[in-house]
C-alpha atoms as a PDB file:
ATOM      1  CA  UNK A   1      -0.308  -0.304  -0.282  1.00  0.00           C
ATOM      2  CA  UNK A   2       1.254   3.750  -0.600  1.00  0.00           C
ATOM      3  CA  UNK A   3       1.407   5.896   2.156  1.00  0.00           C
ATOM      4  CA  UNK A   4      -1.449   8.265   2.190  1.00  0.00           C
ATOM      5  CA  UNK A   5      -2.766  11.112   4.217  1.00  0.00           C
ATOM      6  CA  UNK A   6      -5.938  12.914   3.581  1.00  0.00           C
ATOM      7  CA  UNK A   7      -6.872  16.471   4.494  1.00  0.00           C
ATOM      8  CA  UNK A   8     -10.035  18.160   4.129  1.00  0.00           C
ATOM      9  CA  UNK A   9     -10.296  21.657   5.540  1.00  0.00           C
ATOM     10  CA  UNK A  10     -13.655  23.944   5.774  1.00  0.00           C
ATOM     11  CA  UNK A  11     -14.130  26.404   2.440  1.00  0.00           C
ATOM     12  CA  UNK A  12     -13.689  29.899   3.180  1.00  0.00           C
ATOM     13  CA  UNK A  13     -15.311  32.598   0.994  1.00  0.00           C
ATOM     14  CA  UNK A  14     -12.980  33.297  -1.480  1.00  0.00           C
ATOM     15  CA  UNK A  15     -11.928  37.126  -1.511  1.00  0.00           C
ATOM     16  CA  UNK A  16      -9.471  39.160  -4.062  1.00  0.00           C
ATOM     17  CA  UNK A  17      -7.638  42.024  -2.658  1.00  0.00           C
ATOM     18  CA  UNK A  18      -6.031  44.645  -5.234  1.00  0.00           C
ATOM     19  CA  UNK A  19      -2.570  42.947  -5.307  1.00  0.00           C
ATOM     20  CA  UNK A  20      -3.590  39.393  -6.137  1.00  0.00           C
ATOM     21  CA  UNK A  21      -5.992  41.183  -8.919  1.00  0.00           C
ATOM     22  CA  UNK A  22      -2.747  42.500 -10.072  1.00  0.00           C
ATOM     23  CA  UNK A  23      -1.350  39.097  -9.731  1.00  0.00           C
ATOM     24  CA  UNK A  24      -3.824  37.213 -11.846  1.00  0.00           C
ATOM     25  CA  UNK A  25      -4.383  39.771 -14.307  1.00  0.00           C
ATOM     26  CA  UNK A  26      -0.882  39.833 -15.116  1.00  0.00           C
ATOM     27  CA  UNK A  27      -0.273  38.594 -18.776  1.00  0.00           C
ATOM     28  CA  UNK A  28       2.627  37.768 -20.887  1.00  0.00           C
ATOM     29  CA  UNK A  29       2.907  36.621 -24.118  1.00  0.00           C
ATOM     30  CA  UNK A  30       2.586  33.003 -24.478  1.00  0.00           C
ATOM     31  CA  UNK A  31       4.527  30.427 -26.567  1.00  0.00           C
ATOM     32  CA  UNK A  32       3.159  27.612 -28.624  1.00  0.00           C
ATOM     33  CA  UNK A  33       4.146  24.449 -26.407  1.00  0.00           C
ATOM     34  CA  UNK A  34       6.283  21.388 -27.880  1.00  0.00           C
ATOM     35  CA  UNK A  35       4.717  18.025 -26.706  1.00  0.00           C
ATOM     36  CA  UNK A  36       4.547  14.519 -27.412  1.00  0.00           C
ATOM     37  CA  UNK A  37       0.871  12.525 -27.451  1.00  0.00           C
ATOM     38  CA  UNK A  38       0.715   9.068 -25.759  1.00  0.00           C
ATOM     39  CA  UNK A  39      -2.702   7.611 -26.126  1.00  0.00           C
ATOM     40  CA  UNK A  40      -3.885   4.498 -24.830  1.00  0.00           C
ATOM     41  CA  UNK A  41      -3.931   1.393 -26.942  1.00  0.00           C
ATOM     42  CA  UNK A  42      -7.465   0.380 -24.929  1.00  0.00           C
ATOM     43  CA  UNK A  43      -9.170   3.664 -22.938  1.00  0.00           C
ATOM     44  CA  UNK A  44     -10.572   1.700 -20.124  1.00  0.00           C
ATOM     45  CA  UNK A  45     -14.181   1.023 -20.180  1.00  0.00           C
ATOM     46  CA  UNK A  46     -17.033   2.196 -17.861  1.00  0.00           C
ATOM     47  CA  UNK A  47     -14.106   5.150 -16.953  1.00  0.00           C
ATOM     48  CA  UNK A  48     -16.370   8.076 -17.050  1.00  0.00           C
ATOM     49  CA  UNK A  49     -12.805  10.266 -17.110  1.00  0.00           C
ATOM     50  CA  UNK A  50     -11.597   8.277 -20.170  1.00  0.00           C
ATOM     51  CA  UNK A  51     -12.028  11.339 -22.349  1.00  0.00           C
ATOM     52  CA  UNK A  52     -10.249  13.309 -19.808  1.00  0.00           C
ATOM     53  CA  UNK A  53      -6.398  13.768 -20.646  1.00  0.00           C
ATOM     54  CA  UNK A  54      -3.326  14.186 -18.414  1.00  0.00           C
ATOM     55  CA  UNK A  55      -1.020  17.471 -19.041  1.00  0.00           C
ATOM     56  CA  UNK A  56       2.418  16.188 -17.718  1.00  0.00           C
ATOM     57  CA  UNK A  57       5.218  18.679 -17.170  1.00  0.00           C
ATOM     58  CA  UNK A  58       8.467  18.240 -16.110  1.00  0.00           C
ATOM     59  CA  UNK A  59      11.255  20.271 -13.620  1.00  0.00           C
ATOM     60  CA  UNK A  60      14.159  22.707 -14.176  1.00  0.00           C
ATOM     61  CA  UNK A  61      16.528  21.259 -17.516  1.00  0.00           C
ATOM     62  CA  UNK A  62      13.878  18.495 -17.937  1.00  0.00           C
ATOM     63  CA  UNK A  63      11.782  17.991 -20.910  1.00  0.00           C
ATOM     64  CA  UNK A  64       9.007  15.899 -22.489  1.00  0.00           C
ATOM     65  CA  UNK A  65      11.452  12.771 -23.121  1.00  0.00           C
ATOM     66  CA  UNK A  66      12.197  12.338 -19.358  1.00  0.00           C
ATOM     67  CA  UNK A  67       8.516  11.828 -18.702  1.00  0.00           C
ATOM     68  CA  UNK A  68       8.241   9.652 -22.151  1.00  0.00           C
ATOM     69  CA  UNK A  69       8.118   5.970 -20.099  1.00  0.00           C
ATOM     70  CA  UNK A  70       5.607   7.046 -17.149  1.00  0.00           C
ATOM     71  CA  UNK A  71       3.580   8.906 -19.624  1.00  0.00           C
ATOM     72  CA  UNK A  72       3.041   5.603 -21.701  1.00  0.00           C
ATOM     73  CA  UNK A  73       2.270   3.731 -18.349  1.00  0.00           C
ATOM     74  CA  UNK A  74      -0.197   6.204 -17.404  1.00  0.00           C
ATOM     75  CA  UNK A  75      -2.057   6.385 -20.734  1.00  0.00           C
ATOM     76  CA  UNK A  76      -2.179   2.354 -20.543  1.00  0.00           C
ATOM     77  CA  UNK A  77      -3.300   2.225 -17.164  1.00  0.00           C
ATOM     78  CA  UNK A  78      -5.660   4.843 -16.876  1.00  0.00           C
ATOM     79  CA  UNK A  79      -7.248   4.729 -20.386  1.00  0.00           C
ATOM     80  CA  UNK A  80      -6.317   8.226 -20.634  1.00  0.00           C
ATOM     81  CA  UNK A  81      -4.410  10.396 -23.179  1.00  0.00           C
ATOM     82  CA  UNK A  82      -1.214  11.998 -21.946  1.00  0.00           C
ATOM     83  CA  UNK A  83       0.312  15.131 -22.888  1.00  0.00           C
ATOM     84  CA  UNK A  84       3.795  15.421 -22.305  1.00  0.00           C
ATOM     85  CA  UNK A  85       4.752  19.305 -23.110  1.00  0.00           C
ATOM     86  CA  UNK A  86       7.646  20.854 -22.581  1.00  0.00           C
ATOM     87  CA  UNK A  87       7.892  24.136 -20.885  1.00  0.00           C
ATOM     88  CA  UNK A  88       9.146  27.265 -22.403  1.00  0.00           C
ATOM     89  CA  UNK A  89      12.776  27.297 -22.611  1.00  0.00           C
ATOM     90  CA  UNK A  90      13.105  23.579 -22.678  1.00  0.00           C
ATOM     91  CA  UNK A  91      13.104  20.921 -24.691  1.00  0.00           C
ATOM     92  CA  UNK A  92      11.670  22.136 -28.328  1.00  0.00           C
ATOM     93  CA  UNK A  93       9.532  24.918 -27.038  1.00  0.00           C
ATOM     94  CA  UNK A  94      10.466  28.386 -28.150  1.00  0.00           C
ATOM     95  CA  UNK A  95      12.548  30.506 -25.960  1.00  0.00           C
ATOM     96  CA  UNK A  96      11.437  33.574 -24.248  1.00  0.00           C
ATOM     97  CA  UNK A  97      13.468  36.255 -21.788  1.00  0.00           C
ATOM     98  CA  UNK A  98      10.283  35.826 -19.426  1.00  0.00           C
ATOM     99  CA  UNK A  99      10.580  32.450 -17.229  1.00  0.00           C
ATOM    100  CA  UNK A 100       8.478  32.861 -14.296  1.00  0.00           C
ATOM    101  CA  UNK A 101       5.527  30.312 -12.821  1.00  0.00           C
ATOM    102  CA  UNK A 102       3.090  33.243 -14.400  1.00  0.00           C
ATOM    103  CA  UNK A 103       4.338  32.913 -17.608  1.00  0.00           C
ATOM    104  CA  UNK A 104       4.458  29.324 -17.442  1.00  0.00           C
ATOM    105  CA  UNK A 105       0.969  29.226 -16.143  1.00  0.00           C
ATOM    106  CA  UNK A 106      -0.074  31.021 -19.256  1.00  0.00           C
ATOM    107  CA  UNK A 107       1.401  29.020 -21.607  1.00  0.00           C
ATOM    108  CA  UNK A 108      -0.273  25.697 -20.021  1.00  0.00           C
ATOM    109  CA  UNK A 109      -3.606  27.759 -20.233  1.00  0.00           C
ATOM    110  CA  UNK A 110      -3.259  28.734 -23.628  1.00  0.00           C
ATOM    111  CA  UNK A 111      -2.219  24.845 -24.535  1.00  0.00           C
ATOM    112  CA  UNK A 112      -5.691  23.209 -23.060  1.00  0.00           C
ATOM    113  CA  UNK A 113      -7.567  25.676 -24.977  1.00  0.00           C
ATOM    114  CA  UNK A 114      -5.760  25.411 -28.418  1.00  0.00           C
ATOM    115  CA  UNK A 115      -6.097  21.790 -27.769  1.00  0.00           C
ATOM    116  CA  UNK A 116      -9.856  21.546 -26.942  1.00  0.00           C
ATOM    117  CA  UNK A 117      -8.850  19.425 -23.833  1.00  0.00           C
ATOM    118  CA  UNK A 118     -11.831  18.990 -21.313  1.00  0.00           C
ATOM    119  CA  UNK A 119     -11.283  18.732 -17.605  1.00  0.00           C
ATOM    120  CA  UNK A 120      -7.599  17.658 -17.596  1.00  0.00           C
ATOM    121  CA  UNK A 121      -5.630  16.905 -15.012  1.00  0.00           C
ATOM    122  CA  UNK A 122      -1.881  18.623 -14.335  1.00  0.00           C
ATOM    123  CA  UNK A 123       0.728  16.822 -13.463  1.00  0.00           C
ATOM    124  CA  UNK A 124       3.980  18.566 -12.932  1.00  0.00           C
ATOM    125  CA  UNK A 125       7.319  17.488 -11.256  1.00  0.00           C
ATOM    126  CA  UNK A 126       9.521  20.314  -9.094  1.00  0.00           C
ATOM    127  CA  UNK A 127       9.425  23.428 -11.433  1.00  0.00           C
ATOM    128  CA  UNK A 128       6.619  21.967 -13.504  1.00  0.00           C
ATOM    129  CA  UNK A 129       4.495  21.314 -10.038  1.00  0.00           C
ATOM    130  CA  UNK A 130       4.760  25.307  -9.392  1.00  0.00           C
ATOM    131  CA  UNK A 131       3.480  25.826 -12.939  1.00  0.00           C
ATOM    132  CA  UNK A 132       0.780  23.526 -12.505  1.00  0.00           C
ATOM    133  CA  UNK A 133      -0.415  24.637  -8.879  1.00  0.00           C
ATOM    134  CA  UNK A 134      -0.279  28.262 -10.481  1.00  0.00           C
ATOM    135  CA  UNK A 135      -2.520  27.631 -13.216  1.00  0.00           C
ATOM    136  CA  UNK A 136      -4.765  25.594 -10.980  1.00  0.00           C
ATOM    137  CA  UNK A 137      -5.351  28.581  -8.617  1.00  0.00           C
ATOM    138  CA  UNK A 138      -5.365  31.418 -11.613  1.00  0.00           C
ATOM    139  CA  UNK A 139      -7.777  29.420 -13.714  1.00  0.00           C
ATOM    140  CA  UNK A 140      -9.789  25.937 -11.751  1.00  0.00           C
ATOM    141  CA  UNK A 141     -12.182  26.018 -14.400  1.00  0.00           C
ATOM    142  CA  UNK A 142      -9.967  24.706 -16.785  1.00  0.00           C
ATOM    143  CA  UNK A 143      -8.637  21.595 -15.143  1.00  0.00           C
ATOM    144  CA  UNK A 144     -10.199  18.791 -12.943  1.00  0.00           C
ATOM    145  CA  UNK A 145      -7.334  17.970 -10.679  1.00  0.00           C
ATOM    146  CA  UNK A 146      -3.517  18.368  -9.860  1.00  0.00           C
ATOM    147  CA  UNK A 147      -0.674  16.308  -9.050  1.00  0.00           C
ATOM    148  CA  UNK A 148       2.079  18.268  -7.480  1.00  0.00           C
ATOM    149  CA  UNK A 149       5.347  15.843  -7.608  1.00  0.00           C
ATOM    150  CA  UNK A 150       7.897  16.926  -4.695  1.00  0.00           C
ATOM    151  CA  UNK A 151       6.722  20.647  -4.494  1.00  0.00           C
ATOM    152  CA  UNK A 152       4.715  23.168  -2.599  1.00  0.00           C
ATOM    153  CA  UNK A 153       3.115  26.202  -2.492  1.00  0.00           C
ATOM    154  CA  UNK A 154       5.421  28.172  -0.626  1.00  0.00           C
ATOM    155  CA  UNK A 155       8.828  30.847  -1.485  1.00  0.00           C
ATOM    156  CA  UNK A 156      11.958  28.533  -0.534  1.00  0.00           C
ATOM    157  CA  UNK A 157      15.257  29.156  -1.741  1.00  0.00           C
ATOM    158  CA  UNK A 158      16.366  26.984  -4.978  1.00  0.00           C
ATOM    159  CA  UNK A 159      19.644  24.832  -4.208  1.00  0.00           C
ATOM    160  CA  UNK A 160      23.124  26.372  -4.896  1.00  0.00           C
ATOM    161  CA  UNK A 161      23.285  22.882  -7.267  1.00  0.00           C
ATOM    162  CA  UNK A 162      21.448  24.802 -10.110  1.00  0.00           C
ATOM    163  CA  UNK A 163      23.821  28.154 -10.523  1.00  0.00           C
ATOM    164  CA  UNK A 164      26.480  25.671  -9.829  1.00  0.00           C
ATOM    165  CA  UNK A 165      25.029  23.527 -13.301  1.00  0.00           C
ATOM    166  CA  UNK A 166      24.561  26.624 -15.302  1.00  0.00           C
ATOM    167  CA  UNK A 167      28.055  27.491 -14.885  1.00  0.00           C
ATOM    168  CA  UNK A 168      29.496  24.274 -16.004  1.00  0.00           C
ATOM    169  CA  UNK A 169      26.937  24.237 -18.804  1.00  0.00           C
ATOM    170  CA  UNK A 170      28.484  27.548 -20.122  1.00  0.00           C
ATOM    171  CA  UNK A 171      32.062  26.368 -19.899  1.00  0.00           C
ATOM    172  CA  UNK A 172      30.825  23.355 -22.116  1.00  0.00           C
ATOM    173  CA  UNK A 173      29.392  25.753 -24.564  1.00  0.00           C
ATOM    174  CA  UNK A 174      32.105  28.067 -24.611  1.00  0.00           C
ATOM    175  CA  UNK A 175      34.217  24.976 -25.310  1.00  0.00           C
ATOM    176  CA  UNK A 176      32.941  24.076 -28.543  1.00  0.00           C
ATOM    177  CA  UNK A 177      32.492  20.387 -27.517  1.00  0.00           C
ATOM    178  CA  UNK A 178      31.642  17.851 -30.521  1.00  0.00           C
ATOM    179  CA  UNK A 179      31.110  14.861 -28.348  1.00  0.00           C
ATOM    180  CA  UNK A 180      29.086  14.419 -25.009  1.00  0.00           C
ATOM    181  CA  UNK A 181      32.054  13.016 -23.765  1.00  0.00           C
ATOM    182  CA  UNK A 182      34.080  16.067 -24.027  1.00  0.00           C
ATOM    183  CA  UNK A 183      31.349  17.435 -22.194  1.00  0.00           C
ATOM    184  CA  UNK A 184      30.933  14.986 -19.901  1.00  0.00           C
ATOM    185  CA  UNK A 185      34.666  15.485 -18.577  1.00  0.00           C
ATOM    186  CA  UNK A 186      33.977  19.257 -18.312  1.00  0.00           C
ATOM    187  CA  UNK A 187      30.730  18.729 -16.072  1.00  0.00           C
ATOM    188  CA  UNK A 188      32.543  16.285 -13.643  1.00  0.00           C
ATOM    189  CA  UNK A 189      34.246  19.431 -12.246  1.00  0.00           C
ATOM    190  CA  UNK A 190      30.486  21.013 -10.896  1.00  0.00           C
ATOM    191  CA  UNK A 191      28.678  17.726 -10.428  1.00  0.00           C
ATOM    192  CA  UNK A 192      30.162  14.278  -9.104  1.00  0.00           C
ATOM    193  CA  UNK A 193      26.717  12.419  -9.856  1.00  0.00           C
ATOM    194  CA  UNK A 194      26.829  10.459 -13.161  1.00  0.00           C
ATOM    195  CA  UNK A 195      23.273  10.502 -13.351  1.00  0.00           C
ATOM    196  CA  UNK A 196      22.742  14.094 -12.859  1.00  0.00           C
ATOM    197  CA  UNK A 197      25.125  14.629 -15.542  1.00  0.00           C
ATOM    198  CA  UNK A 198      23.798  12.443 -17.763  1.00  0.00           C
ATOM    199  CA  UNK A 199      20.310  14.403 -17.133  1.00  0.00           C
ATOM    200  CA  UNK A 200      21.578  17.868 -17.674  1.00  0.00           C
ATOM    201  CA  UNK A 201      23.979  16.168 -20.587  1.00  0.00           C
ATOM    202  CA  UNK A 202      20.212  15.198 -22.140  1.00  0.00           C
ATOM    203  CA  UNK A 203      19.784  19.181 -23.184  1.00  0.00           C
ATOM    204  CA  UNK A 204      23.055  18.994 -25.601  1.00  0.00           C
ATOM    205  CA  UNK A 205      22.205  19.004 -29.417  1.00  0.00           C
ATOM    206  CA  UNK A 206      23.978  19.407 -32.521  1.00  0.00           C
ATOM    207  CA  UNK A 207      22.241  22.430 -34.248  1.00  0.00           C
ATOM    208  CA  UNK A 208      21.544  22.158 -37.948  1.00  0.00           C
ATOM    209  CA  UNK A 209      24.441  23.734 -39.636  1.00  0.00           C
ATOM    210  CA  UNK A 210      26.517  21.729 -42.439  1.00  0.00           C
ATOM    211  CA  UNK A 211      29.976  23.183 -41.531  1.00  0.00           C
ATOM    212  CA  UNK A 212      30.105  22.427 -37.663  1.00  0.00           C
ATOM    213  CA  UNK A 213      29.901  19.423 -35.330  1.00  0.00           C
ATOM    214  CA  UNK A 214      29.678  22.009 -32.036  1.00  0.00           C
ATOM    215  CA  UNK A 215      27.082  20.661 -29.956  1.00  0.00           C
ATOM    216  CA  UNK A 216      25.190  23.311 -27.964  1.00  0.00           C
ATOM    217  CA  UNK A 217      22.335  23.415 -25.236  1.00  0.00           C
ATOM    218  CA  UNK A 218      18.586  23.437 -25.896  1.00  0.00           C
ATOM    219  CA  UNK A 219      17.748  25.565 -22.978  1.00  0.00           C
ATOM    220  CA  UNK A 220      18.851  29.093 -22.934  1.00  0.00           C
ATOM    221  CA  UNK A 221      21.434  29.247 -20.517  1.00  0.00           C
ATOM    222  CA  UNK A 222      21.601  32.957 -19.826  1.00  0.00           C
ATOM    223  CA  UNK A 223      17.516  33.311 -19.560  1.00  0.00           C
ATOM    224  CA  UNK A 224      17.441  30.239 -17.342  1.00  0.00           C
ATOM    225  CA  UNK A 225      20.216  31.684 -15.023  1.00  0.00           C
ATOM    226  CA  UNK A 226      18.733  35.041 -14.636  1.00  0.00           C
ATOM    227  CA  UNK A 227      15.574  33.180 -13.660  1.00  0.00           C
ATOM    228  CA  UNK A 228      17.013  31.086 -10.581  1.00  0.00           C
ATOM    229  CA  UNK A 229      16.710  33.541  -7.920  1.00  0.00           C
ATOM    230  CA  UNK A 230      13.073  33.520  -8.646  1.00  0.00           C
ATOM    231  CA  UNK A 231      11.960  29.859  -9.225  1.00  0.00           C
ATOM    232  CA  UNK A 232      12.100  29.133  -5.765  1.00  0.00           C
ATOM    233  CA  UNK A 233       9.425  31.935  -5.166  1.00  0.00           C
ATOM    234  CA  UNK A 234       5.349  31.076  -6.006  1.00  0.00           C
ATOM    235  CA  UNK A 235       3.132  33.732  -7.423  1.00  0.00           C
ATOM    236  CA  UNK A 236       0.403  33.432  -4.270  1.00  0.00           C
ATOM    237  CA  UNK A 237       1.130  34.554  -0.761  1.00  0.00           C
ATOM    238  CA  UNK A 238      -2.110  34.596   0.832  1.00  0.00           C
ATOM    239  CA  UNK A 239      -4.088  31.170   0.678  1.00  0.00           C
ATOM    240  CA  UNK A 240      -7.183  33.275   2.232  1.00  0.00           C
ATOM    241  CA  UNK A 241      -7.389  35.158  -1.318  1.00  0.00           C
ATOM    242  CA  UNK A 242      -7.510  32.358  -3.960  1.00  0.00           C
ATOM    243  CA  UNK A 243      -7.922  28.090  -3.378  1.00  0.00           C
ATOM    244  CA  UNK A 244      -8.197  25.363  -5.592  1.00  0.00           C
ATOM    245  CA  UNK A 245     -11.416  23.501  -4.574  1.00  0.00           C
ATOM    246  CA  UNK A 246     -10.681  20.556  -6.760  1.00  0.00           C
ATOM    247  CA  UNK A 247      -8.921  17.390  -5.766  1.00  0.00           C
ATOM    248  CA  UNK A 248      -5.243  17.721  -5.508  1.00  0.00           C
ATOM    249  CA  UNK A 249      -2.521  15.123  -4.871  1.00  0.00           C
ATOM    250  CA  UNK A 250       1.038  16.021  -3.430  1.00  0.00           C
ATOM    251  CA  UNK A 251       3.388  13.777  -3.694  1.00  0.00           C
ATOM    252  CA  UNK A 252       6.681  13.855  -1.681  1.00  0.00           C
ATOM    253  CA  UNK A 253       9.969  12.193  -2.060  1.00  0.00           C
ATOM    254  CA  UNK A 254      10.410  11.142   1.957  1.00  0.00           C
ATOM    255  CA  UNK A 255      14.476  11.659   0.842  1.00  0.00           C
ATOM    256  CA  UNK A 256      13.555  14.976   0.038  1.00  0.00           C
ATOM    257  CA  UNK A 257      13.447  18.627   1.476  1.00  0.00           C
ATOM    258  CA  UNK A 258      11.221  20.298  -0.959  1.00  0.00           C
ATOM    259  CA  UNK A 259       7.949  19.311   0.952  1.00  0.00           C
ATOM    260  CA  UNK A 260       8.735  19.533   4.618  1.00  0.00           C
ATOM    261  CA  UNK A 261       5.684  18.826   7.262  1.00  0.00           C
ATOM    262  CA  UNK A 262       5.633  22.163   8.713  1.00  0.00           C
ATOM    263  CA  UNK A 263       4.487  23.090   4.999  1.00  0.00           C
ATOM    264  CA  UNK A 264       1.216  20.793   4.680  1.00  0.00           C
ATOM    265  CA  UNK A 265      -1.085  23.151   6.956  1.00  0.00           C
ATOM    266  CA  UNK A 266      -0.348  25.972   3.891  1.00  0.00           C
ATOM    267  CA  UNK A 267      -1.018  23.160   1.096  1.00  0.00           C
ATOM    268  CA  UNK A 268      -4.236  22.420   2.922  1.00  0.00           C
ATOM    269  CA  UNK A 269      -5.172  26.083   2.777  1.00  0.00           C
ATOM    270  CA  UNK A 270      -4.529  26.447  -0.822  1.00  0.00           C
ATOM    271  CA  UNK A 271      -5.526  23.392  -1.817  1.00  0.00           C
ATOM    272  CA  UNK A 272      -8.556  22.100   0.723  1.00  0.00           C
ATOM    273  CA  UNK A 273      -9.612  18.888  -0.835  1.00  0.00           C
ATOM    274  CA  UNK A 274      -5.625  17.719  -1.254  1.00  0.00           C
ATOM    275  CA  UNK A 275      -3.978  14.166  -0.201  1.00  0.00           C
ATOM    276  CA  UNK A 276      -0.561  13.381   0.771  1.00  0.00           C
ATOM    277  CA  UNK A 277       1.794  10.483  -0.445  1.00  0.00           C
ATOM    278  CA  UNK A 278       4.949   9.702   0.974  1.00  0.00           C
ATOM    279  CA  UNK A 279       7.197   8.094  -1.606  1.00  0.00           C
ATOM    280  CA  UNK A 280      10.463   6.250  -0.674  1.00  0.00           C
ATOM    281  CA  UNK A 281      12.516   8.276  -2.853  1.00  0.00           C
ATOM    282  CA  UNK A 282      14.454  11.823  -3.232  1.00  0.00           C
ATOM    283  CA  UNK A 283      13.295  14.875  -5.138  1.00  0.00           C
ATOM    284  CA  UNK A 284      13.526  12.527  -8.902  1.00  0.00           C
ATOM    285  CA  UNK A 285      11.310  10.122  -7.334  1.00  0.00           C
ATOM    286  CA  UNK A 286       9.420   9.651 -10.501  1.00  0.00           C
ATOM    287  CA  UNK A 287      12.795   8.043 -12.109  1.00  0.00           C
ATOM    288  CA  UNK A 288      13.751   6.784  -8.504  1.00  0.00           C
ATOM    289  CA  UNK A 289      10.525   5.032  -7.813  1.00  0.00           C
ATOM    290  CA  UNK A 290       8.362   4.964 -10.438  1.00  0.00           C
ATOM    291  CA  UNK A 291       6.158   2.341  -9.298  1.00  0.00           C
ATOM    292  CA  UNK A 292       5.423   3.698  -6.082  1.00  0.00           C
ATOM    293  CA  UNK A 293       4.673   6.996  -8.431  1.00  0.00           C
ATOM    294  CA  UNK A 294       2.394   4.920 -10.354  1.00  0.00           C
ATOM    295  CA  UNK A 295       0.469   3.514  -7.830  1.00  0.00           C
ATOM    296  CA  UNK A 296      -0.130   6.739  -6.186  1.00  0.00           C
ATOM    297  CA  UNK A 297      -1.421   8.398  -9.570  1.00  0.00           C
ATOM    298  CA  UNK A 298      -3.392   5.735 -10.552  1.00  0.00           C
ATOM    299  CA  UNK A 299      -5.379   5.326  -6.985  1.00  0.00           C
ATOM    300  CA  UNK A 300      -5.922   8.884  -7.033  1.00  0.00           C
ATOM    301  CA  UNK A 301      -7.350   9.326 -10.549  1.00  0.00           C
ATOM    302  CA  UNK A 302      -9.283   5.898 -10.604  1.00  0.00           C
ATOM    303  CA  UNK A 303     -13.307   6.311 -10.317  1.00  0.00           C
ATOM    304  CA  UNK A 304     -14.318   6.025  -6.736  1.00  0.00           C
ATOM    305  CA  UNK A 305     -16.790   3.766  -5.883  1.00  0.00           C
END
């Protein structure tokens, strides 16, 4: 069994202060998001949510390809289509100088509308989780449920590792490497973990240029570097001003520090119908313990008798 804690709280009347209204009305130019569509071979018979798709969002330095395997599994087990997307400035999606959760949420909201998705469930890991939470609070009518993977609706200091990764990746680009092995040799000075280096180097590609074999990163390092100071923030500060009053699941890694016990009451204030599941893993729990994550999601999204 997956350890599960369910918390239900009274729903207070929603009031909007001028500061909140300003935040919600803030509008950025959206970008069209690249995506992979994973469709079930056999849609679930008798599942009233079979036409309700899943929109899956990766974390910082990630892309849709990181969620390819789990997306196929969830499509199979739930009988739902899964849209694994690239958030702005990641993967195959366009670059934009604005990289914050309000802008990312606006992109995803437009994606849902443009593709005619009805009552989708949002799943987001880390950065993608905060983007999903932001959209659920700004446009709750667009979605049916939320699954936040190892992140919480709080301001938190981003780990210094990310700034170090940016420095290493910039050194790789300035060295004009032509092989991933060369890039890995440089990155070893910045990150000892082979797994994390492979994850970061998954962003390397060879731009189409007939006279050059030099590899570059798909993520715009200067834009992401400037955004790092604010990627630990959350756009909403006061849960008395706005709430998402539909089902929400928070999945956290027991070896991760991103969702400590002391923030659980705040989660319940922003998301009164939330459930909490602990998975034996660190921050990268989807790849570290995919079966426990799969069970948690399937149980949450399966029809309740």
